Amino acid sequence: KGQGLLLDASVQENLGLVTLRGATRGGLVDVSGQRRAATGIAERLGVRMASIDQHVRTLSGGNQQKV
């Protein structure tokens, strides 16, 4: 939690940091591409959440670890 997890940010924003390099176009973030990538990662990791927009702080400890 103390390193690398933004508790007040969404699951998409946290996972989007991982995919940032591949989700940019002309120096700008491709938000829809970032969202698709983050959704795919969350599904592969088995993160249980109401929405990709859910704040990480509201996830269970186990799901926070997955993110």
Protein backbone atom coordinates (compact mmCIF):
# COMPACT_ATOMS: atom_id res chain seq x y z
CA LYS A 1 0.00 0.00 0.00
CA GLY A 2 2.73 2.41 0.94
CA GLN A 3 4.62 1.98 -2.32
CA GLY A 4 3.09 2.20 -5.74
CA LEU A 5 -0.63 2.03 -4.95
CA LEU A 6 -2.72 5.19 -5.25
CA LEU A 7 -5.55 4.50 -2.81
CA ASP A 8 -7.57 7.58 -3.77
CA ALA A 9 -7.34 6.80 -7.47
CA SER A 10 -9.47 4.35 -9.44
CA VAL A 11 -8.51 0.84 -10.45
CA GLN A 12 -8.24 2.14 -14.02
CA GLU A 13 -5.87 4.93 -13.00
CA ASN A 14 -3.66 2.58 -10.97
CA LEU A 15 -3.48 -0.10 -13.64
CA GLY A 16 -3.24 2.57 -16.31
CA LEU A 17 0.12 3.63 -14.92
CA VAL A 18 1.44 0.21 -15.90
CA THR A 19 0.16 0.58 -19.46
CA LEU A 20 0.98 4.26 -19.89
CA ARG A 21 3.78 3.73 -22.40
CA GLY A 22 1.55 1.74 -24.75
CA ALA A 23 -1.51 3.95 -24.23
CA THR A 24 -0.11 7.19 -25.56
CA ARG A 25 -0.60 8.70 -28.96
CA GLY A 26 1.44 11.70 -30.01
CA GLY A 27 2.49 12.34 -26.41
CA LEU A 28 -1.11 12.33 -25.15
CA VAL A 29 -2.78 9.58 -23.14
CA ASP A 30 -5.30 7.53 -25.12
CA VAL A 31 -7.88 7.24 -22.32
CA SER A 32 -10.07 4.69 -24.10
CA GLY A 33 -7.03 2.54 -24.89
CA GLN A 34 -5.84 2.85 -21.31
CA ARG A 35 -9.30 1.84 -20.07
CA ARG A 36 -9.37 -1.24 -22.32
CA ALA A 37 -5.88 -2.28 -21.21
CA ALA A 38 -6.66 -1.73 -17.51
CA THR A 39 -9.90 -3.70 -17.81
CA GLY A 40 -8.04 -6.60 -19.42
CA ILE A 41 -5.37 -6.59 -16.71
CA ALA A 42 -7.99 -6.47 -13.93
CA GLU A 43 -9.81 -9.43 -15.48
CA ARG A 44 -6.59 -11.46 -15.82
CA LEU A 45 -5.65 -10.68 -12.21
CA GLY A 46 -9.14 -11.61 -11.01
CA VAL A 47 -9.79 -8.27 -9.31
CA ARG A 48 -13.30 -8.26 -7.83
CA MET A 49 -14.75 -4.78 -8.22
CA ALA A 50 -18.02 -3.07 -9.03
CA SER A 51 -16.42 -1.05 -11.82
CA ILE A 52 -13.01 -0.19 -13.24
CA ASP A 53 -13.75 3.34 -11.94
CA GLN A 54 -13.97 2.14 -8.31
CA HIS A 55 -11.44 3.73 -5.95
CA VAL A 56 -8.77 1.28 -4.85
CA ARG A 57 -9.32 2.32 -1.20
CA THR A 58 -12.76 0.65 -1.32
CA LEU A 59 -11.42 -2.73 -2.47
CA SER A 60 -10.70 -5.56 -0.05
CA GLY A 61 -7.09 -5.98 1.02
CA GLY A 62 -6.67 -9.00 -1.24
CA ASN A 63 -7.97 -7.12 -4.27
CA GLN A 64 -5.76 -4.14 -3.42
CA GLN A 65 -2.79 -6.51 -3.54
CA LYS A 66 -3.84 -7.72 -6.98
CA VAL A 67 -3.86 -4.15 -8.25
